[in-house]
C-alpha atoms as a PDB file:
ATOM      1  CA  UNK A   1       6.285 -44.880   2.801  1.00  0.00           C
ATOM      2  CA  UNK A   2       7.902 -48.278   2.455  1.00  0.00           C
ATOM      3  CA  UNK A   3      11.725 -47.622   1.719  1.00  0.00           C
ATOM      4  CA  UNK A   4      13.901 -49.265   3.494  1.00  0.00           C
ATOM      5  CA  UNK A   5      15.837 -47.056   6.302  1.00  0.00           C
ATOM      6  CA  UNK A   6      18.975 -48.816   7.132  1.00  0.00           C
ATOM      7  CA  UNK A   7      21.176 -45.970   7.826  1.00  0.00           C
ATOM      8  CA  UNK A   8      20.963 -44.067  11.458  1.00  0.00           C
ATOM      9  CA  UNK A   9      21.850 -40.273  11.609  1.00  0.00           C
ATOM     10  CA  UNK A  10      22.213 -38.555  14.805  1.00  0.00           C
ATOM     11  CA  UNK A  11      22.207 -35.321  14.887  1.00  0.00           C
ATOM     12  CA  UNK A  12      23.336 -32.655  18.209  1.00  0.00           C
ATOM     13  CA  UNK A  13      20.671 -29.616  18.468  1.00  0.00           C
ATOM     14  CA  UNK A  14      20.566 -26.674  20.959  1.00  0.00           C
ATOM     15  CA  UNK A  15      17.224 -26.416  23.124  1.00  0.00           C
ATOM     16  CA  UNK A  16      15.909 -23.723  20.584  1.00  0.00           C
ATOM     17  CA  UNK A  17      16.462 -25.904  17.804  1.00  0.00           C
ATOM     18  CA  UNK A  18      14.724 -28.612  19.833  1.00  0.00           C
ATOM     19  CA  UNK A  19      11.816 -26.160  20.070  1.00  0.00           C
ATOM     20  CA  UNK A  20      11.584 -25.345  16.931  1.00  0.00           C
ATOM     21  CA  UNK A  21      11.580 -29.050  15.425  1.00  0.00           C
ATOM     22  CA  UNK A  22       8.666 -29.937  17.879  1.00  0.00           C
ATOM     23  CA  UNK A  23       6.651 -26.644  16.995  1.00  0.00           C
ATOM     24  CA  UNK A  24       6.714 -28.125  13.352  1.00  0.00           C
ATOM     25  CA  UNK A  25       6.255 -31.685  14.354  1.00  0.00           C
ATOM     26  CA  UNK A  26       3.342 -30.678  16.233  1.00  0.00           C
ATOM     27  CA  UNK A  27       1.662 -28.012  14.041  1.00  0.00           C
ATOM     28  CA  UNK A  28       2.437 -29.907  11.040  1.00  0.00           C
ATOM     29  CA  UNK A  29       0.773 -33.448  13.312  1.00  0.00           C
ATOM     30  CA  UNK A  30       3.750 -35.617  12.580  1.00  0.00           C
ATOM     31  CA  UNK A  31       4.122 -38.557  14.610  1.00  0.00           C
ATOM     32  CA  UNK A  32       7.506 -38.215  15.404  1.00  0.00           C
ATOM     33  CA  UNK A  33      10.566 -36.600  15.616  1.00  0.00           C
ATOM     34  CA  UNK A  34      12.351 -38.180  12.822  1.00  0.00           C
ATOM     35  CA  UNK A  35       9.405 -37.759  10.719  1.00  0.00           C
ATOM     36  CA  UNK A  36       9.667 -34.243  11.188  1.00  0.00           C
ATOM     37  CA  UNK A  37      13.166 -34.276  10.671  1.00  0.00           C
ATOM     38  CA  UNK A  38      12.916 -36.333   7.325  1.00  0.00           C
ATOM     39  CA  UNK A  39       9.930 -33.550   6.198  1.00  0.00           C
ATOM     40  CA  UNK A  40      12.148 -30.945   6.616  1.00  0.00           C
ATOM     41  CA  UNK A  41      15.160 -32.449   5.024  1.00  0.00           C
ATOM     42  CA  UNK A  42      13.127 -32.874   2.121  1.00  0.00           C
ATOM     43  CA  UNK A  43      11.467 -29.307   1.950  1.00  0.00           C
ATOM     44  CA  UNK A  44      15.060 -27.811   2.378  1.00  0.00           C
ATOM     45  CA  UNK A  45      16.206 -30.353  -0.193  1.00  0.00           C
ATOM     46  CA  UNK A  46      13.828 -29.095  -2.413  1.00  0.00           C
ATOM     47  CA  UNK A  47      13.958 -25.555  -1.775  1.00  0.00           C
ATOM     48  CA  UNK A  48      17.558 -25.617  -3.055  1.00  0.00           C
ATOM     49  CA  UNK A  49      16.833 -27.337  -6.099  1.00  0.00           C
ATOM     50  CA  UNK A  50      18.003 -30.836  -5.166  1.00  0.00           C
ATOM     51  CA  UNK A  51      16.411 -34.127  -6.068  1.00  0.00           C
ATOM     52  CA  UNK A  52      18.567 -37.116  -4.302  1.00  0.00           C
ATOM     53  CA  UNK A  53      22.376 -36.619  -3.447  1.00  0.00           C
ATOM     54  CA  UNK A  54      23.877 -33.762  -1.799  1.00  0.00           C
ATOM     55  CA  UNK A  55      26.713 -31.952  -3.319  1.00  0.00           C
ATOM     56  CA  UNK A  56      29.503 -31.662  -0.777  1.00  0.00           C
ATOM     57  CA  UNK A  57      30.990 -28.186  -0.348  1.00  0.00           C
ATOM     58  CA  UNK A  58      35.077 -28.297   0.525  1.00  0.00           C
ATOM     59  CA  UNK A  59      36.018 -26.852   3.570  1.00  0.00           C
ATOM     60  CA  UNK A  60      32.174 -26.482   5.092  1.00  0.00           C
ATOM     61  CA  UNK A  61      31.850 -27.730   8.868  1.00  0.00           C
ATOM     62  CA  UNK A  62      28.448 -29.425   9.945  1.00  0.00           C
ATOM     63  CA  UNK A  63      28.442 -26.589  12.516  1.00  0.00           C
ATOM     64  CA  UNK A  64      28.468 -23.997   9.931  1.00  0.00           C
ATOM     65  CA  UNK A  65      24.888 -25.372   9.146  1.00  0.00           C
ATOM     66  CA  UNK A  66      23.334 -24.693  12.385  1.00  0.00           C
ATOM     67  CA  UNK A  67      19.574 -23.256  12.330  1.00  0.00           C
ATOM     68  CA  UNK A  68      20.205 -20.492  15.184  1.00  0.00           C
ATOM     69  CA  UNK A  69      22.956 -18.504  15.444  1.00  0.00           C
ATOM     70  CA  UNK A  70      25.277 -19.375  18.427  1.00  0.00           C
ATOM     71  CA  UNK A  71      26.984 -16.349  19.070  1.00  0.00           C
ATOM     72  CA  UNK A  72      31.460 -16.578  18.999  1.00  0.00           C
ATOM     73  CA  UNK A  73      31.451 -19.363  21.732  1.00  0.00           C
ATOM     74  CA  UNK A  74      29.816 -21.782  19.847  1.00  0.00           C
ATOM     75  CA  UNK A  75      27.591 -24.393  20.910  1.00  0.00           C
ATOM     76  CA  UNK A  76      28.801 -22.931  24.419  1.00  0.00           C
ATOM     77  CA  UNK A  77      26.266 -19.796  24.703  1.00  0.00           C
ATOM     78  CA  UNK A  78      24.873 -18.635  28.151  1.00  0.00           C
ATOM     79  CA  UNK A  79      26.045 -19.821  31.469  1.00  0.00           C
ATOM     80  CA  UNK A  80      27.673 -22.732  30.277  1.00  0.00           C
ATOM     81  CA  UNK A  81      30.058 -20.586  28.187  1.00  0.00           C
ATOM     82  CA  UNK A  82      33.812 -20.424  28.869  1.00  0.00           C
ATOM     83  CA  UNK A  83      34.453 -16.787  30.397  1.00  0.00           C
ATOM     84  CA  UNK A  84      36.903 -14.496  29.241  1.00  0.00           C
ATOM     85  CA  UNK A  85      37.192 -12.753  32.704  1.00  0.00           C
END
């Protein structure tokens, strides 16, 4: 692959999402997490029939596109979650 990569993309993931990414990476013998993310992005876009630019959806937040359900408390689930007590 000899294309210019001029944009940096940072994304926060849960421990479960990171484990799933690493599992995919190692299963497919990919050299880096970035390579695995690019491959999954390519597969996902192809799966919905998009070959290039992604059509945006108005009113949809990035957090609506998590890999695993985060529950009603969002990213702060588990021991560090705020308590209603």
